[in-house]
Structure formats: structure tokens, C-alpha cells
Amino acid sequence: MPLIPEEPQIHESAQGPRATPASGRTAQTPRPVPGPRPMGSARPGRPGPLRPAPPAQRTPRDVAAPKPDPSGPVAPVAPVASSATPQIQLIPASAEGALDAAEEAVDLLLDAGRAPGDVLVITTGEQHPWAAHELSFGEAAYWAQHDAGDDVFYADASVAERAVSRPVVVVAVNGGSAATAATALPLARARAGALLVVCGDPQQINSLLGAGL
């Protein structure tokens, strides 16, 4: 059944479709719905020679996430995390703006308390700059960071099958062939434990979700 941009389970603070999906937009991105996850700790230092700072690499937040209030609306979120089927949220964006929309979604998730290691980002077109930078040091070092599981991990759709499941998977449909997107979306859903966020053209995504999922 086609997916609509706003699911009934989306948090009440979610905004409507962005007015200007291109990378230069200033409109708010709809907020993904994070679970009550603890904030990640600082990344351990890497052995070996120092590397230049990777593009767009994140640093863990210094402020710890607030503890869930037992009287607050935390309980309804628990069944989502334990469900075999993740919640799906669509963020409308053009192919040119999809990666930027995915970055905003990740920022919102981290700000809301998700640990960096909870998040996997998959791109269908051009690689994320962080992935391209880390791969320049070799695949072994790149996948070692994936295995460490202490930071957001970015993977191209062509190698995403190697990535393990994480509570949240964000897909940026930022180009690539229709076949690539059609393969990446079911894979992303299989890897998402609680939440799948898809950033891209709504018509294309609805078509792919209806056919492939």
C-alpha cells in the first residue's frame, strides 16, 4: 500500500513536507521519531598515525540526554523498538537534496538522544563524503569502524548488505538507478530495528515501497 509522507505514528512535532527540497533550502525537516536511547559516549582514539579530519564527520554530543520521565510519553515508544517491523517515515526531497535531508534527520535523532552507534545511513547515489574519506584509507579500516559500532556509519547501497542491523536506518535516495533504489529500500527495512527514514522523491519512493515491501 503506498506510503504517505506523514505516518500516524510520527511524533506530533513533525513538520509537513519541505517547501524547497534542494540543498539550499531553509525549511524545517520533518522530525524522525527517536526511541528513548542513551547518548553515546566519546569515540575511542584510533590506533596508528593521525588522519586528517574527515569531511562532515560527527563528534558525539557533550550533553547527556535527559533521562526518560516515567510519567511522560515514553511508554508508547517501547513497542516500536521491539517490533519486527520498523516504523517508516518519508521525508520529501529531491535527488540533489536527499543527502542533506538525511543529514538533518540524523542530527535530529542525535539531538533527541539516539546514540551515534544506533544509526546507519545508506546512499543510493553519490557516496557520503565521510564514507569516501574513510575508504581512502582502505576497506579494512572502513569496516573496522562499522564493527566498532560507536558512531554513525555511512554506506553506499552497493555494499550496504554487509552492514549489520541498527535501531535506525536512514536512506538518502540521492541518485543512482531505479534498480539500486529498489534493492536498497527492502535491505534498509531489513536492517532497521525500530525506525526507517527514507529521504527522496515521494512518488518514486511510494512506488518502490509498494512494489518491493
N, C-alpha and C. Protein backbone atom coordinates (compact mmCIF):
# COMPACT_ATOMS: atom_id res chain seq x y z
N MET A 1 0.86 -1.18 0.00
CA MET A 1 0.00 0.00 0.00
C MET A 1 0.89 1.22 0.00
N PRO A 2 0.62 2.19 -0.85
CA PRO A 2 1.52 3.36 -0.94
C PRO A 2 1.69 4.03 0.39
N LEU A 3 2.91 4.52 0.63
CA LEU A 3 3.25 5.20 1.89
C LEU A 3 2.99 6.67 1.74
N ILE A 4 2.30 7.26 2.70
CA ILE A 4 2.06 8.70 2.66
C ILE A 4 3.16 9.39 3.44
N PRO A 5 3.44 10.68 3.13
CA PRO A 5 4.56 11.38 3.80
C PRO A 5 4.47 11.43 5.30
N GLU A 6 3.27 11.46 5.88
CA GLU A 6 3.16 11.53 7.33
C GLU A 6 2.42 10.32 7.86
N GLU A 7 3.10 9.43 8.56
CA GLU A 7 2.51 8.24 9.14
C GLU A 7 1.77 8.61 10.42
N PRO A 8 0.77 7.84 10.80
CA PRO A 8 0.06 8.12 12.05
C PRO A 8 0.96 8.08 13.27
N GLN A 9 2.05 7.32 13.19
CA GLN A 9 2.92 7.17 14.34
C GLN A 9 3.96 8.28 14.44
N ILE A 10 4.03 9.14 13.47
CA ILE A 10 5.03 10.19 13.50
C ILE A 10 4.78 11.11 14.68
N HIS A 11 5.85 11.55 15.33
CA HIS A 11 5.76 12.42 16.51
C HIS A 11 5.01 13.70 16.17
N GLU A 12 4.25 14.20 17.13
CA GLU A 12 3.41 15.36 16.87
C GLU A 12 4.21 16.60 16.50
N SER A 13 5.51 16.60 16.80
CA SER A 13 6.32 17.75 16.45
C SER A 13 6.81 17.71 15.01
N ALA A 14 6.49 16.62 14.25
CA ALA A 14 6.96 16.51 12.87
C ALA A 14 6.35 17.61 12.02
N GLN A 15 7.14 18.16 11.14
CA GLN A 15 6.69 19.21 10.25
C GLN A 15 6.18 18.61 8.96
N GLY A 16 5.48 19.40 8.16
CA GLY A 16 4.98 18.94 6.87
C GLY A 16 6.08 18.88 5.85
N PRO A 17 5.74 18.51 4.59
CA PRO A 17 6.76 18.40 3.54
C PRO A 17 7.49 19.71 3.36
N ARG A 18 8.81 19.63 3.14
CA ARG A 18 9.60 20.83 2.98
C ARG A 18 9.24 21.55 1.71
N ALA A 19 9.25 22.85 1.76
CA ALA A 19 8.83 23.64 0.61
C ALA A 19 9.89 23.65 -0.47
N THR A 20 11.15 23.68 -0.09
CA THR A 20 12.23 23.71 -1.07
C THR A 20 13.18 22.58 -0.78
N PRO A 21 13.05 21.44 -1.46
CA PRO A 21 13.85 20.25 -1.13
C PRO A 21 15.29 20.33 -1.54
N ALA A 22 15.69 21.29 -2.34
CA ALA A 22 17.07 21.35 -2.79
C ALA A 22 17.99 21.63 -1.62
N SER A 23 19.26 21.45 -1.86
CA SER A 23 20.23 21.55 -0.77
C SER A 23 20.28 22.94 -0.16
N GLY A 24 19.86 23.97 -0.86
CA GLY A 24 19.91 25.31 -0.33
C GLY A 24 18.67 25.71 0.44
N ARG A 25 17.79 24.74 0.74
CA ARG A 25 16.53 25.09 1.37
C ARG A 25 16.74 25.54 2.80
N THR A 26 15.74 26.26 3.32
CA THR A 26 15.78 26.69 4.71
C THR A 26 14.62 26.15 5.50
N ALA A 27 13.72 25.39 4.83
CA ALA A 27 12.54 24.87 5.52
C ALA A 27 12.93 23.78 6.50
N GLN A 28 12.09 23.60 7.51
CA GLN A 28 12.33 22.57 8.52
C GLN A 28 12.15 21.18 7.94
N THR A 29 12.95 20.24 8.38
CA THR A 29 12.80 18.83 8.01
C THR A 29 11.87 18.16 9.00
N PRO A 30 10.96 17.29 8.51
CA PRO A 30 10.11 16.56 9.46
C PRO A 30 10.97 15.76 10.41
N ARG A 31 10.63 15.79 11.68
CA ARG A 31 11.46 15.14 12.68
C ARG A 31 11.20 13.63 12.71
N PRO A 32 12.25 12.80 12.57
CA PRO A 32 12.07 11.36 12.77
C PRO A 32 11.71 11.10 14.22
N VAL A 33 11.11 9.98 14.47
CA VAL A 33 10.69 9.67 15.82
C VAL A 33 11.74 8.79 16.48
N PRO A 34 12.57 9.34 17.39
CA PRO A 34 13.60 8.54 18.05
C PRO A 34 13.03 7.78 19.22
N GLY A 35 13.70 6.72 19.58
CA GLY A 35 13.32 6.00 20.79
C GLY A 35 14.10 6.54 21.96
N PRO A 36 13.76 6.12 23.15
CA PRO A 36 14.46 6.64 24.34
C PRO A 36 15.80 5.98 24.52
N ARG A 37 16.76 6.36 23.66
CA ARG A 37 18.07 5.74 23.69
C ARG A 37 19.05 6.60 24.46
N PRO A 38 20.02 6.00 25.16
CA PRO A 38 21.03 6.79 25.87
C PRO A 38 21.99 7.43 24.90
N MET A 39 22.57 8.53 25.30
CA MET A 39 23.52 9.23 24.44
C MET A 39 24.83 8.47 24.37
N GLY A 40 25.44 8.43 23.18
CA GLY A 40 26.68 7.68 23.00
C GLY A 40 27.84 8.34 23.71
N SER A 41 28.81 7.56 24.08
CA SER A 41 30.00 8.08 24.74
C SER A 41 31.00 8.53 23.69
N ALA A 42 32.03 9.18 24.15
CA ALA A 42 33.02 9.70 23.22
C ALA A 42 33.68 8.56 22.46
N ARG A 43 34.02 8.84 21.21
CA ARG A 43 34.66 7.81 20.40
C ARG A 43 36.06 7.53 20.91
N PRO A 44 36.43 6.27 20.97
CA PRO A 44 37.80 5.96 21.39
C PRO A 44 38.80 6.41 20.34
N GLY A 45 40.00 6.70 20.77
CA GLY A 45 41.02 7.13 19.82
C GLY A 45 41.41 6.00 18.89
N ARG A 46 41.76 6.35 17.68
CA ARG A 46 42.15 5.33 16.71
C ARG A 46 43.64 5.05 16.82
N PRO A 47 44.02 3.80 16.73
CA PRO A 47 45.45 3.48 16.74
C PRO A 47 46.10 3.89 15.43
N GLY A 48 47.41 3.98 15.46
CA GLY A 48 48.12 4.27 14.23
C GLY A 48 48.31 5.75 14.00
N PRO A 49 48.80 6.13 12.81
CA PRO A 49 49.09 7.54 12.51
C PRO A 49 47.83 8.37 12.45
N LEU A 50 47.99 9.64 12.76
CA LEU A 50 46.84 10.54 12.74
C LEU A 50 46.35 10.73 11.32
N ARG A 51 45.02 10.86 11.19
CA ARG A 51 44.45 11.12 9.88
C ARG A 51 43.94 12.55 9.84
N PRO A 52 43.84 13.10 8.64
CA PRO A 52 43.18 14.41 8.54
C PRO A 52 41.72 14.26 8.89
N ALA A 53 41.13 15.31 9.41
CA ALA A 53 39.73 15.24 9.83
C ALA A 53 38.85 14.91 8.63
N PRO A 54 37.99 13.89 8.74
CA PRO A 54 37.13 13.51 7.61
C PRO A 54 36.04 14.53 7.39
N PRO A 55 35.61 14.71 6.13
CA PRO A 55 34.53 15.66 5.86
C PRO A 55 33.25 15.24 6.55
N ALA A 56 32.58 16.20 7.12
CA ALA A 56 31.26 16.01 7.72
C ALA A 56 31.24 14.97 8.82
N GLN A 57 32.41 14.66 9.39
CA GLN A 57 32.45 13.67 10.47
C GLN A 57 31.81 14.25 11.72
N ARG A 58 31.06 13.45 12.42
CA ARG A 58 30.36 13.92 13.59
C ARG A 58 31.20 13.74 14.84
N THR A 59 30.96 14.56 15.82
CA THR A 59 31.54 14.37 17.14
C THR A 59 30.41 14.13 18.09
N PRO A 60 30.55 13.20 19.03
CA PRO A 60 29.46 12.90 19.96
C PRO A 60 29.08 14.13 20.76
N ARG A 61 27.82 14.21 21.10
CA ARG A 61 27.32 15.35 21.87
C ARG A 61 27.92 15.33 23.27
N ASP A 62 28.28 16.52 23.79
CA ASP A 62 28.85 16.62 25.13
C ASP A 62 27.78 16.57 26.21
N VAL A 63 26.56 16.93 25.85
CA VAL A 63 25.50 16.97 26.84
C VAL A 63 24.75 15.66 26.83
N ALA A 64 24.63 15.05 27.98
CA ALA A 64 23.94 13.77 28.06
C ALA A 64 22.45 13.98 27.82
N ALA A 65 21.82 12.97 27.25
CA ALA A 65 20.39 13.05 27.00
C ALA A 65 19.64 13.01 28.31
N PRO A 66 18.51 13.74 28.42
CA PRO A 66 17.73 13.70 29.65
C PRO A 66 17.16 12.32 29.89
N LYS A 67 17.07 11.96 31.16
CA LYS A 67 16.52 10.65 31.49
C LYS A 67 15.03 10.65 31.21
N PRO A 68 14.50 9.54 30.68
CA PRO A 68 13.07 9.48 30.40
C PRO A 68 12.26 9.67 31.67
N ASP A 69 11.22 10.48 31.56
CA ASP A 69 10.32 10.71 32.67
C ASP A 69 9.29 9.60 32.69
N PRO A 70 9.21 8.83 33.78
CA PRO A 70 8.25 7.72 33.82
C PRO A 70 6.82 8.17 33.55
N SER A 71 6.53 9.43 33.86
CA SER A 71 5.17 9.90 33.65
C SER A 71 4.98 10.49 32.26
N GLY A 72 6.06 10.61 31.50
CA GLY A 72 5.99 11.20 30.17
C GLY A 72 5.58 10.18 29.13
N PRO A 73 5.49 10.63 27.85
CA PRO A 73 5.01 9.76 26.77
C PRO A 73 6.11 8.86 26.23
N VAL A 74 6.78 8.13 27.14
CA VAL A 74 7.87 7.25 26.72
C VAL A 74 7.36 5.84 26.46
N ALA A 75 6.41 5.38 27.25
CA ALA A 75 5.92 4.00 27.15
C ALA A 75 5.42 3.62 25.77
N PRO A 76 4.67 4.52 25.06
CA PRO A 76 4.18 4.12 23.74
C PRO A 76 5.28 3.84 22.74
N VAL A 77 6.49 4.37 22.98
CA VAL A 77 7.58 4.16 22.03
C VAL A 77 8.18 2.77 22.14
N ALA A 78 8.10 2.16 23.33
CA ALA A 78 8.74 0.87 23.56
C ALA A 78 8.29 -0.22 22.60
N PRO A 79 6.99 -0.36 22.31
CA PRO A 79 6.59 -1.42 21.39
C PRO A 79 7.19 -1.27 20.01
N VAL A 80 7.47 -0.01 19.57
CA VAL A 80 8.06 0.20 18.26
C VAL A 80 9.45 -0.40 18.20
N ALA A 81 10.24 -0.20 19.26
CA ALA A 81 11.62 -0.71 19.27
C ALA A 81 11.67 -2.22 19.26
N SER A 82 10.64 -2.86 19.84
CA SER A 82 10.66 -4.30 19.93
C SER A 82 9.92 -4.98 18.78
N SER A 83 9.29 -4.17 17.94
CA SER A 83 8.51 -4.73 16.84
C SER A 83 9.43 -5.27 15.76
N ALA A 84 8.94 -6.32 15.07
CA ALA A 84 9.73 -6.90 13.99
C ALA A 84 9.69 -5.99 12.76
N THR A 85 8.66 -5.15 12.66
CA THR A 85 8.52 -4.24 11.53
C THR A 85 8.82 -2.82 11.98
N PRO A 86 9.83 -2.18 11.40
CA PRO A 86 10.16 -0.82 11.85
C PRO A 86 9.12 0.19 11.39
N GLN A 87 9.03 1.27 12.12
CA GLN A 87 8.22 2.40 11.69
C GLN A 87 8.91 3.01 10.48
N ILE A 88 8.14 3.46 9.50
CA ILE A 88 8.71 4.04 8.29
C ILE A 88 8.28 5.50 8.18
N GLN A 89 9.23 6.38 7.93
CA GLN A 89 8.94 7.79 7.74
C GLN A 89 9.56 8.27 6.45
N LEU A 90 8.76 8.99 5.68
CA LEU A 90 9.22 9.54 4.40
C LEU A 90 9.46 11.03 4.55
N ILE A 91 10.64 11.49 4.14
CA ILE A 91 10.96 12.91 4.12
C ILE A 91 11.12 13.33 2.66
N PRO A 92 10.16 14.10 2.13
CA PRO A 92 10.24 14.51 0.73
C PRO A 92 11.50 15.34 0.45
N ALA A 93 12.19 14.99 -0.62
CA ALA A 93 13.40 15.71 -1.01
C ALA A 93 13.73 15.35 -2.45
N SER A 94 14.37 16.27 -3.15
CA SER A 94 14.84 15.96 -4.50
C SER A 94 16.07 15.08 -4.40
N ALA A 95 16.50 14.53 -5.53
CA ALA A 95 17.72 13.72 -5.52
C ALA A 95 18.91 14.55 -5.07
N GLU A 96 18.92 15.84 -5.45
CA GLU A 96 20.03 16.71 -5.07
C GLU A 96 19.98 17.07 -3.58
N GLY A 97 18.79 17.09 -2.99
CA GLY A 97 18.67 17.47 -1.59
C GLY A 97 18.51 16.31 -0.63
N ALA A 98 18.47 15.08 -1.15
CA ALA A 98 18.21 13.91 -0.30
C ALA A 98 19.30 13.69 0.74
N LEU A 99 20.55 13.87 0.35
CA LEU A 99 21.64 13.63 1.30
C LEU A 99 21.61 14.67 2.41
N ASP A 100 21.32 15.91 2.05
CA ASP A 100 21.22 16.96 3.06
C ASP A 100 20.05 16.69 4.00
N ALA A 101 18.94 16.20 3.44
CA ALA A 101 17.79 15.87 4.28
C ALA A 101 18.14 14.73 5.23
N ALA A 102 18.89 13.76 4.75
CA ALA A 102 19.31 12.65 5.61
C ALA A 102 20.21 13.14 6.73
N GLU A 103 21.10 14.08 6.42
CA GLU A 103 21.98 14.65 7.44
C GLU A 103 21.16 15.36 8.52
N GLU A 104 20.14 16.11 8.10
CA GLU A 104 19.29 16.79 9.07
C GLU A 104 18.54 15.78 9.94
N ALA A 105 18.09 14.69 9.31
CA ALA A 105 17.38 13.67 10.07
C ALA A 105 18.29 13.04 11.12
N VAL A 106 19.54 12.78 10.75
CA VAL A 106 20.49 12.21 11.70
C VAL A 106 20.75 13.18 12.85
N ASP A 107 20.90 14.46 12.53
CA ASP A 107 21.11 15.46 13.57
C ASP A 107 19.95 15.48 14.56
N LEU A 108 18.72 15.42 14.04
CA LEU A 108 17.56 15.42 14.91
C LEU A 108 17.53 14.18 15.80
N LEU A 109 17.88 13.05 15.25
CA LEU A 109 17.92 11.81 16.03
C LEU A 109 18.94 11.90 17.15
N LEU A 110 20.13 12.41 16.85
CA LEU A 110 21.17 12.53 17.87
C LEU A 110 20.79 13.56 18.92
N ASP A 111 20.21 14.66 18.48
CA ASP A 111 19.79 15.69 19.43
C ASP A 111 18.70 15.17 20.36
N ALA A 112 17.87 14.24 19.86
CA ALA A 112 16.78 13.69 20.66
C ALA A 112 17.24 12.58 21.59
N GLY A 113 18.50 12.15 21.48
CA GLY A 113 19.01 11.16 22.42
C GLY A 113 19.46 9.85 21.83
N ARG A 114 19.34 9.67 20.54
CA ARG A 114 19.84 8.45 19.92
C ARG A 114 21.37 8.42 20.01
N ALA A 115 21.93 7.26 20.32
CA ALA A 115 23.38 7.11 20.31
C ALA A 115 23.86 7.08 18.87
N PRO A 116 25.02 7.68 18.57
CA PRO A 116 25.54 7.65 17.20
C PRO A 116 25.63 6.24 16.63
N GLY A 117 25.99 5.28 17.47
CA GLY A 117 26.11 3.91 17.00
C GLY A 117 24.80 3.24 16.67
N ASP A 118 23.67 3.92 16.96
CA ASP A 118 22.35 3.38 16.63
C ASP A 118 21.99 3.59 15.17
N VAL A 119 22.74 4.45 14.47
CA VAL A 119 22.29 4.95 13.16
C VAL A 119 23.18 4.46 12.01
N LEU A 120 22.52 3.95 10.99
CA LEU A 120 23.16 3.56 9.72
C LEU A 120 22.55 4.42 8.62
N VAL A 121 23.39 5.02 7.78
CA VAL A 121 22.92 5.83 6.66
C VAL A 121 23.34 5.16 5.36
N ILE A 122 22.37 4.96 4.48
CA ILE A 122 22.62 4.32 3.19
C ILE A 122 22.34 5.32 2.08
N THR A 123 23.26 5.44 1.12
CA THR A 123 23.07 6.33 -0.02
C THR A 123 22.94 5.50 -1.30
N THR A 124 22.04 5.94 -2.19
CA THR A 124 21.84 5.20 -3.44
C THR A 124 22.62 5.81 -4.60
N GLY A 125 23.05 7.07 -4.44
CA GLY A 125 23.81 7.73 -5.50
C GLY A 125 25.24 7.97 -5.07
N GLU A 126 25.63 9.24 -5.08
CA GLU A 126 26.99 9.59 -4.69
C GLU A 126 27.24 9.23 -3.22
N GLN A 127 28.43 8.73 -2.94
CA GLN A 127 28.77 8.36 -1.57
C GLN A 127 28.76 9.58 -0.66
N HIS A 128 28.47 9.33 0.61
CA HIS A 128 28.60 10.39 1.60
C HIS A 128 30.09 10.74 1.71
N PRO A 129 30.43 12.02 1.89
CA PRO A 129 31.85 12.41 1.98
C PRO A 129 32.62 11.66 3.06
N TRP A 130 31.95 11.33 4.17
CA TRP A 130 32.64 10.60 5.23
C TRP A 130 33.06 9.21 4.75
N ALA A 131 32.14 8.53 4.05
CA ALA A 131 32.45 7.19 3.55
C ALA A 131 33.60 7.24 2.54
N ALA A 132 33.53 8.21 1.63
CA ALA A 132 34.58 8.34 0.62
C ALA A 132 35.93 8.60 1.29
N HIS A 133 35.93 9.44 2.32
CA HIS A 133 37.17 9.75 3.02
C HIS A 133 37.74 8.53 3.73
N GLU A 134 36.89 7.83 4.46
CA GLU A 134 37.38 6.68 5.22
C GLU A 134 37.83 5.54 4.31
N LEU A 135 37.16 5.38 3.18
CA LEU A 135 37.57 4.33 2.24
C LEU A 135 38.92 4.63 1.61
N SER A 136 39.33 5.90 1.64
CA SER A 136 40.63 6.25 1.09
C SER A 136 41.76 5.64 1.92
N PHE A 137 41.46 5.20 3.15
CA PHE A 137 42.45 4.55 4.00
C PHE A 137 42.36 3.03 3.89
N GLY A 138 41.48 2.55 3.03
CA GLY A 138 41.35 1.11 2.83
C GLY A 138 40.06 0.55 3.42
N GLU A 139 39.58 -0.50 2.80
CA GLU A 139 38.32 -1.09 3.24
C GLU A 139 38.42 -1.69 4.64
N ALA A 140 39.59 -2.22 4.99
CA ALA A 140 39.73 -2.83 6.31
C ALA A 140 39.49 -1.81 7.42
N ALA A 141 40.09 -0.62 7.27
CA ALA A 141 39.90 0.42 8.28
C ALA A 141 38.46 0.92 8.29
N TYR A 142 37.89 1.02 7.10
CA TYR A 142 36.50 1.50 6.97
C TYR A 142 35.54 0.56 7.69
N TRP A 143 35.64 -0.74 7.42
CA TRP A 143 34.72 -1.70 8.04
C TRP A 143 35.05 -1.94 9.51
N ALA A 144 36.28 -1.64 9.92
CA ALA A 144 36.61 -1.74 11.34
C ALA A 144 35.80 -0.73 12.14
N GLN A 145 35.58 0.44 11.56
CA GLN A 145 34.75 1.44 12.24
C GLN A 145 33.29 0.99 12.30
N HIS A 146 32.85 0.31 11.25
CA HIS A 146 31.50 -0.26 11.28
C HIS A 146 31.38 -1.28 12.40
N ASP A 147 32.37 -2.16 12.51
CA ASP A 147 32.33 -3.21 13.53
C ASP A 147 32.43 -2.64 14.94
N ALA A 148 33.12 -1.50 15.10
CA ALA A 148 33.22 -0.88 16.41
C ALA A 148 31.85 -0.42 16.89
N GLY A 149 31.01 0.04 15.96
CA GLY A 149 29.64 0.40 16.30
C GLY A 149 29.49 1.55 17.26
N ASP A 150 30.44 2.49 17.28
CA ASP A 150 30.35 3.60 18.23
C ASP A 150 30.07 4.94 17.56
N ASP A 151 29.76 4.92 16.26
CA ASP A 151 29.47 6.17 15.57
C ASP A 151 28.49 5.90 14.43
N VAL A 152 27.90 6.99 13.90
CA VAL A 152 27.05 6.87 12.72
C VAL A 152 27.90 6.26 11.60
N PHE A 153 27.32 5.31 10.88
CA PHE A 153 28.08 4.67 9.80
C PHE A 153 27.38 4.94 8.48
N TYR A 154 28.15 5.33 7.47
CA TYR A 154 27.63 5.66 6.15
C TYR A 154 28.08 4.61 5.15
N ALA A 155 27.13 4.09 4.38
CA ALA A 155 27.46 3.04 3.42
C ALA A 155 26.75 3.27 2.10
N ASP A 156 27.44 2.99 1.02
CA ASP A 156 26.82 3.02 -0.29
C ASP A 156 25.90 1.82 -0.42
N ALA A 157 24.82 1.97 -1.19
CA ALA A 157 23.85 0.88 -1.35
C ALA A 157 24.50 -0.39 -1.89
N SER A 158 25.57 -0.25 -2.66
CA SER A 158 26.22 -1.42 -3.26
C SER A 158 26.91 -2.30 -2.23
N VAL A 159 27.24 -1.74 -1.06
CA VAL A 159 27.91 -2.53 -0.03
C VAL A 159 27.11 -2.60 1.27
N ALA A 160 25.91 -2.03 1.26
CA ALA A 160 25.11 -1.95 2.49
C ALA A 160 24.69 -3.32 3.01
N GLU A 161 24.66 -4.31 2.14
CA GLU A 161 24.27 -5.65 2.58
C GLU A 161 25.23 -6.19 3.64
N ARG A 162 26.45 -5.68 3.62
CA ARG A 162 27.46 -6.13 4.59
C ARG A 162 27.23 -5.51 5.97
N ALA A 163 26.49 -4.42 6.02
CA ALA A 163 26.26 -3.73 7.29
C ALA A 163 25.28 -4.53 8.15
N VAL A 164 25.52 -4.52 9.46
CA VAL A 164 24.63 -5.23 10.37
C VAL A 164 23.45 -4.33 10.73
N SER A 165 22.44 -4.93 11.34
CA SER A 165 21.24 -4.18 11.73
C SER A 165 21.57 -3.13 12.78
N ARG A 166 20.87 -2.02 12.70
CA ARG A 166 20.94 -0.97 13.71
C ARG A 166 19.53 -0.50 14.01
N PRO A 167 19.30 0.10 15.17
CA PRO A 167 17.94 0.53 15.51
C PRO A 167 17.34 1.48 14.48
N VAL A 168 18.15 2.36 13.91
CA VAL A 168 17.65 3.34 12.94
C VAL A 168 18.47 3.26 11.66
N VAL A 169 17.76 3.20 10.53
CA VAL A 169 18.42 3.26 9.24
C VAL A 169 17.83 4.44 8.47
N VAL A 170 18.69 5.28 7.93
CA VAL A 170 18.29 6.43 7.13
C VAL A 170 18.76 6.19 5.71
N VAL A 171 17.85 6.29 4.74
CA VAL A 171 18.20 6.10 3.34
C VAL A 171 18.09 7.43 2.61
N ALA A 172 19.15 7.83 1.93
CA ALA A 172 19.12 9.01 1.07
C ALA A 172 19.04 8.52 -0.38
N VAL A 173 17.88 8.71 -1.00
CA VAL A 173 17.72 8.34 -2.41
C VAL A 173 18.24 9.54 -3.21
N ASN A 174 19.56 9.61 -3.29
CA ASN A 174 20.24 10.77 -3.86
C ASN A 174 20.79 10.51 -5.25
N GLY A 175 20.08 9.69 -6.01
CA GLY A 175 20.51 9.37 -7.36
C GLY A 175 20.68 7.87 -7.52
N GLY A 176 21.43 7.48 -8.53
CA GLY A 176 21.58 6.07 -8.81
C GLY A 176 20.40 5.57 -9.64
N SER A 177 20.48 4.34 -10.06
CA SER A 177 19.42 3.79 -10.89
C SER A 177 18.19 3.41 -10.06
N ALA A 178 17.07 3.26 -10.75
CA ALA A 178 15.84 2.82 -10.07
C ALA A 178 16.04 1.44 -9.47
N ALA A 179 16.82 0.61 -10.14
CA ALA A 179 17.08 -0.73 -9.63
C ALA A 179 17.87 -0.67 -8.32
N THR A 180 18.79 0.27 -8.22
CA THR A 180 19.56 0.42 -6.99
C THR A 180 18.66 0.80 -5.83
N ALA A 181 17.78 1.77 -6.07
CA ALA A 181 16.86 2.20 -5.02
C ALA A 181 15.90 1.07 -4.66
N ALA A 182 15.44 0.34 -5.65
CA ALA A 182 14.50 -0.76 -5.41
C ALA A 182 15.14 -1.86 -4.58
N THR A 183 16.45 -2.03 -4.69
CA THR A 183 17.16 -3.02 -3.89
C THR A 183 17.50 -2.48 -2.51
N ALA A 184 17.85 -1.19 -2.46
CA ALA A 184 18.29 -0.60 -1.20
C ALA A 184 17.17 -0.48 -0.18
N LEU A 185 15.95 -0.17 -0.61
CA LEU A 185 14.87 0.05 0.34
C LEU A 185 14.47 -1.21 1.11
N PRO A 186 14.27 -2.35 0.44
CA PRO A 186 13.99 -3.56 1.22
C PRO A 186 15.14 -3.95 2.14
N LEU A 187 16.37 -3.75 1.68
CA LEU A 187 17.53 -4.06 2.51
C LEU A 187 17.56 -3.16 3.73
N ALA A 188 17.28 -1.87 3.53
CA ALA A 188 17.28 -0.92 4.64
C ALA A 188 16.20 -1.29 5.65
N ARG A 189 15.05 -1.69 5.16
CA ARG A 189 13.98 -2.08 6.07
C ARG A 189 14.39 -3.30 6.89
N ALA A 190 15.07 -4.23 6.26
CA ALA A 190 15.52 -5.43 6.97
C ALA A 190 16.57 -5.11 8.02
N ARG A 191 17.35 -4.06 7.79
CA ARG A 191 18.41 -3.68 8.74
C ARG A 191 17.91 -2.77 9.86
N ALA A 192 16.74 -2.16 9.69
CA ALA A 192 16.23 -1.21 10.67
C ALA A 192 15.48 -1.93 11.79
N GLY A 193 15.95 -1.74 13.02
CA GLY A 193 15.29 -2.40 14.14
C GLY A 193 14.04 -1.69 14.61
N ALA A 194 14.02 -0.34 14.59
CA ALA A 194 12.89 0.41 15.11
C ALA A 194 12.35 1.45 14.14
N LEU A 195 13.24 2.09 13.38
CA LEU A 195 12.82 3.21 12.53
C LEU A 195 13.58 3.22 11.22
N LEU A 196 12.83 3.39 10.13
CA LEU A 196 13.41 3.55 8.80
C LEU A 196 12.99 4.92 8.29
N VAL A 197 13.96 5.77 7.98
CA VAL A 197 13.69 7.10 7.43
C VAL A 197 14.19 7.11 5.99
N VAL A 198 13.29 7.47 5.06
CA VAL A 198 13.65 7.49 3.64
C VAL A 198 13.53 8.92 3.13
N CYS A 199 14.62 9.46 2.59
CA CYS A 199 14.65 10.82 2.08
C CYS A 199 14.75 10.77 0.55
N GLY A 200 13.77 11.33 -0.12
CA GLY A 200 13.79 11.31 -1.57
C GLY A 200 12.47 11.75 -2.17
N ASP A 201 12.31 11.47 -3.45
CA ASP A 201 11.09 11.85 -4.17
C ASP A 201 9.92 10.99 -3.70
N PRO A 202 8.84 11.58 -3.18
CA PRO A 202 7.73 10.79 -2.64
C PRO A 202 7.11 9.85 -3.65
N GLN A 203 6.92 10.31 -4.88
CA GLN A 203 6.29 9.46 -5.89
C GLN A 203 7.13 8.23 -6.18
N GLN A 204 8.44 8.43 -6.34
CA GLN A 204 9.32 7.31 -6.59
C GLN A 204 9.36 6.34 -5.40
N ILE A 205 9.46 6.90 -4.21
CA ILE A 205 9.58 6.06 -3.02
C ILE A 205 8.29 5.28 -2.77
N ASN A 206 7.14 5.95 -2.93
CA ASN A 206 5.87 5.25 -2.75
C ASN A 206 5.74 4.09 -3.72
N SER A 207 6.18 4.33 -4.94
CA SER A 207 6.12 3.27 -5.95
C SER A 207 7.03 2.10 -5.56
N LEU A 208 8.25 2.41 -5.11
CA LEU A 208 9.19 1.37 -4.74
C LEU A 208 8.76 0.63 -3.47
N LEU A 209 8.25 1.36 -2.49
CA LEU A 209 7.80 0.73 -1.27
C LEU A 209 6.63 -0.20 -1.54
N GLY A 210 5.71 0.24 -2.42
CA GLY A 210 4.55 -0.58 -2.71
C GLY A 210 4.92 -1.84 -3.48
N ALA A 211 5.95 -1.74 -4.32
CA ALA A 211 6.35 -2.89 -5.14
C ALA A 211 7.31 -3.82 -4.41
N GLY A 212 8.23 -3.22 -3.64
CA GLY A 212 9.28 -4.04 -3.04
C GLY A 212 9.07 -4.43 -1.61
N LEU A 213 8.17 -3.74 -0.88
CA LEU A 213 7.97 -4.05 0.52
C LEU A 213 6.57 -4.55 0.77
